Amino acid sequence: MVDYVGIRAIDGLLVHLENLLKDSRVALELGQRGVNASIVLLVAQGLTSYLRGEKARAVEDWETAAEEVRARLLWSERPKD
């Protein structure tokens, strides 16, 4: 595979994104918006895998993330007693 400057730039951005998502302050801010940083990190890792040609791993990460989001959504929409 040819290594293009644009692909390296995207890879660098994704590494930066992963580092930000691992920062507790960022996780706290996301949490205040109802967003789980671990799920976002999993989605970002799936994108990284996909861009590297690791499609099966990307699908696994995205399916896991989708299941987590779905479960949290259903939990938040449950009838309250």
N, C-alpha and C. Protein backbone atom coordinates (compact mmCIF):
# COMPACT_ATOMS: atom_id res chain seq x y z
N MET A 1 0.85 -1.19 0.00
CA MET A 1 0.00 0.00 0.00
C MET A 1 0.88 1.24 0.00
N VAL A 2 0.54 2.19 -0.83
CA VAL A 2 1.28 3.44 -0.92
C VAL A 2 0.93 4.29 0.29
N ASP A 3 1.94 4.93 0.87
CA ASP A 3 1.72 5.77 2.05
C ASP A 3 1.59 7.23 1.59
N TYR A 4 0.36 7.72 1.60
CA TYR A 4 0.10 9.08 1.16
C TYR A 4 0.14 10.04 2.35
N VAL A 5 0.50 11.29 2.06
CA VAL A 5 0.57 12.31 3.10
C VAL A 5 -0.80 12.51 3.75
N GLY A 6 -1.85 12.51 2.96
CA GLY A 6 -3.20 12.70 3.49
C GLY A 6 -3.60 11.61 4.47
N ILE A 7 -3.24 10.38 4.14
CA ILE A 7 -3.57 9.26 5.02
C ILE A 7 -2.79 9.37 6.32
N ARG A 8 -1.54 9.77 6.24
CA ARG A 8 -0.75 9.97 7.46
C ARG A 8 -1.35 11.08 8.31
N ALA A 9 -1.85 12.13 7.66
CA ALA A 9 -2.47 13.23 8.40
C ALA A 9 -3.74 12.76 9.11
N ILE A 10 -4.55 11.96 8.43
CA ILE A 10 -5.76 11.42 9.05
C ILE A 10 -5.38 10.52 10.22
N ASP A 11 -4.38 9.68 10.02
CA ASP A 11 -3.93 8.79 11.09
C ASP A 11 -3.47 9.61 12.30
N GLY A 12 -2.74 10.70 12.05
CA GLY A 12 -2.31 11.57 13.14
C GLY A 12 -3.47 12.20 13.88
N LEU A 13 -4.48 12.60 13.14
CA LEU A 13 -5.68 13.18 13.77
C LEU A 13 -6.40 12.16 14.64
N LEU A 14 -6.47 10.94 14.16
CA LEU A 14 -7.14 9.89 14.93
C LEU A 14 -6.36 9.55 16.20
N VAL A 15 -5.04 9.56 16.11
CA VAL A 15 -4.23 9.34 17.31
C VAL A 15 -4.48 10.47 18.31
N HIS A 16 -4.54 11.70 17.81
CA HIS A 16 -4.81 12.85 18.68
C HIS A 16 -6.20 12.72 19.30
N LEU A 17 -7.19 12.32 18.50
CA LEU A 17 -8.54 12.13 19.00
C LEU A 17 -8.56 11.07 20.10
N GLU A 18 -7.89 9.96 19.88
CA GLU A 18 -7.84 8.90 20.90
C GLU A 18 -7.22 9.42 22.19
N ASN A 19 -6.16 10.19 22.07
CA ASN A 19 -5.52 10.75 23.27
C ASN A 19 -6.46 11.70 24.00
N LEU A 20 -7.19 12.51 23.26
CA LEU A 20 -8.16 13.42 23.89
C LEU A 20 -9.25 12.64 24.61
N LEU A 21 -9.73 11.58 23.98
CA LEU A 21 -10.81 10.79 24.58
C LEU A 21 -10.36 10.05 25.84
N LYS A 22 -9.07 9.83 25.97
CA LYS A 22 -8.52 9.19 27.17
C LYS A 22 -8.27 10.19 28.29
N ASP A 23 -8.40 11.47 28.00
CA ASP A 23 -8.20 12.53 29.00
C ASP A 23 -9.44 12.60 29.89
N SER A 24 -9.25 12.52 31.18
CA SER A 24 -10.39 12.50 32.11
C SER A 24 -11.23 13.76 32.03
N ARG A 25 -10.62 14.90 31.72
CA ARG A 25 -11.40 16.15 31.61
C ARG A 25 -12.33 16.11 30.42
N VAL A 26 -11.85 15.56 29.32
CA VAL A 26 -12.68 15.43 28.13
C VAL A 26 -13.81 14.44 28.39
N ALA A 27 -13.47 13.33 29.04
CA ALA A 27 -14.48 12.32 29.38
C ALA A 27 -15.57 12.93 30.27
N LEU A 28 -15.16 13.77 31.20
CA LEU A 28 -16.12 14.43 32.08
C LEU A 28 -17.04 15.36 31.29
N GLU A 29 -16.47 16.15 30.40
CA GLU A 29 -17.28 17.06 29.58
C GLU A 29 -18.26 16.28 28.71
N LEU A 30 -17.79 15.20 28.10
CA LEU A 30 -18.68 14.39 27.28
C LEU A 30 -19.77 13.77 28.14
N GLY A 31 -19.40 13.29 29.31
CA GLY A 31 -20.37 12.69 30.21
C GLY A 31 -21.47 13.66 30.61
N GLN A 32 -21.10 14.93 30.77
CA GLN A 32 -22.10 15.95 31.11
C GLN A 32 -23.10 16.15 29.98
N ARG A 33 -22.71 15.75 28.78
CA ARG A 33 -23.62 15.83 27.62
C ARG A 33 -24.32 14.50 27.37
N GLY A 34 -24.08 13.54 28.25
CA GLY A 34 -24.69 12.23 28.08
C GLY A 34 -23.98 11.35 27.08
N VAL A 35 -22.72 11.66 26.81
CA VAL A 35 -21.93 10.90 25.83
C VAL A 35 -20.85 10.13 26.58
N ASN A 36 -20.75 8.84 26.31
CA ASN A 36 -19.75 8.00 26.95
C ASN A 36 -18.46 8.02 26.13
N ALA A 37 -17.38 8.51 26.73
CA ALA A 37 -16.10 8.64 26.03
C ALA A 37 -15.57 7.29 25.59
N SER A 38 -15.83 6.24 26.33
CA SER A 38 -15.34 4.90 25.96
C SER A 38 -15.99 4.42 24.66
N ILE A 39 -17.26 4.74 24.49
CA ILE A 39 -17.94 4.35 23.26
C ILE A 39 -17.39 5.15 22.09
N VAL A 40 -17.19 6.44 22.29
CA VAL A 40 -16.63 7.28 21.22
C VAL A 40 -15.23 6.78 20.86
N LEU A 41 -14.45 6.40 21.86
CA LEU A 41 -13.11 5.86 21.63
C LEU A 41 -13.18 4.58 20.80
N LEU A 42 -14.12 3.72 21.10
CA LEU A 42 -14.30 2.49 20.35
C LEU A 42 -14.65 2.78 18.89
N VAL A 43 -15.51 3.76 18.67
CA VAL A 43 -15.87 4.16 17.30
C VAL A 43 -14.64 4.69 16.56
N ALA A 44 -13.84 5.52 17.24
CA ALA A 44 -12.62 6.07 16.63
C ALA A 44 -11.63 4.95 16.31
N GLN A 45 -11.51 3.98 17.20
CA GLN A 45 -10.62 2.85 16.95
C GLN A 45 -11.11 2.03 15.76
N GLY A 46 -12.43 1.91 15.63
CA GLY A 46 -12.98 1.23 14.47
C GLY A 46 -12.65 1.96 13.18
N LEU A 47 -12.72 3.27 13.21
CA LEU A 47 -12.36 4.06 12.03
C LEU A 47 -10.89 3.88 11.69
N THR A 48 -10.04 3.89 12.70
CA THR A 48 -8.62 3.66 12.48
C THR A 48 -8.40 2.30 11.83
N SER A 49 -9.06 1.28 12.35
CA SER A 49 -8.94 -0.06 11.79
C SER A 49 -9.40 -0.09 10.34
N TYR A 50 -10.53 0.54 10.07
CA TYR A 50 -11.08 0.56 8.72
C TYR A 50 -10.11 1.22 7.74
N LEU A 51 -9.55 2.34 8.15
CA LEU A 51 -8.62 3.06 7.28
C LEU A 51 -7.33 2.28 7.05
N ARG A 52 -7.01 1.37 7.95
CA ARG A 52 -5.82 0.52 7.80
C ARG A 52 -6.13 -0.78 7.07
N GLY A 53 -7.38 -0.92 6.63
CA GLY A 53 -7.77 -2.11 5.89
C GLY A 53 -8.22 -3.26 6.76
N GLU A 54 -8.34 -3.03 8.05
CA GLU A 54 -8.76 -4.07 9.00
C GLU A 54 -10.28 -4.01 9.16
N LYS A 55 -10.98 -4.39 8.10
CA LYS A 55 -12.42 -4.19 8.06
C LYS A 55 -13.17 -5.05 9.07
N ALA A 56 -12.75 -6.28 9.27
CA ALA A 56 -13.44 -7.14 10.23
C ALA A 56 -13.36 -6.56 11.64
N ARG A 57 -12.19 -6.05 12.00
CA ARG A 57 -12.03 -5.43 13.32
C ARG A 57 -12.89 -4.17 13.43
N ALA A 58 -12.92 -3.39 12.35
CA ALA A 58 -13.73 -2.16 12.34
C ALA A 58 -15.20 -2.50 12.57
N VAL A 59 -15.69 -3.50 11.86
CA VAL A 59 -17.09 -3.91 12.01
C VAL A 59 -17.36 -4.36 13.44
N GLU A 60 -16.45 -5.14 14.00
CA GLU A 60 -16.62 -5.60 15.37
C GLU A 60 -16.71 -4.42 16.34
N ASP A 61 -15.81 -3.45 16.20
CA ASP A 61 -15.82 -2.27 17.07
C ASP A 61 -17.11 -1.49 16.92
N TRP A 62 -17.54 -1.28 15.67
CA TRP A 62 -18.74 -0.49 15.43
C TRP A 62 -19.99 -1.21 15.90
N GLU A 63 -20.04 -2.53 15.72
CA GLU A 63 -21.20 -3.28 16.21
C GLU A 63 -21.28 -3.21 17.74
N THR A 64 -20.13 -3.34 18.39
CA THR A 64 -20.11 -3.24 19.85
C THR A 64 -20.57 -1.86 20.30
N ALA A 65 -20.07 -0.83 19.64
CA ALA A 65 -20.46 0.54 19.98
C ALA A 65 -21.96 0.74 19.76
N ALA A 66 -22.47 0.24 18.65
CA ALA A 66 -23.90 0.40 18.36
C ALA A 66 -24.75 -0.32 19.41
N GLU A 67 -24.33 -1.51 19.81
CA GLU A 67 -25.06 -2.24 20.86
C GLU A 67 -25.08 -1.46 22.17
N GLU A 68 -23.95 -0.88 22.52
CA GLU A 68 -23.87 -0.10 23.76
C GLU A 68 -24.76 1.14 23.70
N VAL A 69 -24.71 1.84 22.58
CA VAL A 69 -25.55 3.04 22.44
C VAL A 69 -27.02 2.65 22.48
N ARG A 70 -27.38 1.59 21.78
CA ARG A 70 -28.77 1.12 21.76
C ARG A 70 -29.22 0.76 23.17
N ALA A 71 -28.41 0.03 23.91
CA ALA A 71 -28.77 -0.38 25.27
C ALA A 71 -28.95 0.83 26.17
N ARG A 72 -28.07 1.81 26.05
CA ARG A 72 -28.17 3.02 26.87
C ARG A 72 -29.40 3.84 26.50
N LEU A 73 -29.72 3.88 25.21
CA LEU A 73 -30.90 4.60 24.75
C LEU A 73 -32.16 3.94 25.30
N LEU A 74 -32.23 2.63 25.19
CA LEU A 74 -33.40 1.92 25.71
C LEU A 74 -33.53 2.10 27.21
N TRP A 75 -32.41 2.08 27.90
CA TRP A 75 -32.42 2.28 29.36
C TRP A 75 -32.95 3.68 29.69
N SER A 76 -32.52 4.67 28.94
CA SER A 76 -32.95 6.05 29.22
C SER A 76 -34.42 6.28 28.89
N GLU A 77 -34.96 5.46 27.99
CA GLU A 77 -36.36 5.63 27.57
C GLU A 77 -37.33 4.74 28.36
N ARG A 78 -36.80 3.95 29.28
CA ARG A 78 -37.66 3.04 30.05
C ARG A 78 -38.64 3.84 30.90
N PRO A 79 -39.81 3.27 31.15
CA PRO A 79 -40.77 3.95 32.03
C PRO A 79 -40.19 4.10 33.45
N LYS A 80 -40.35 5.24 33.99
CA LYS A 80 -39.89 5.49 35.36
C LYS A 80 -41.02 5.18 36.32
N ASP A 81 -40.70 4.57 37.44
CA ASP A 81 -41.73 4.25 38.45
C ASP A 81 -42.07 5.46 39.27
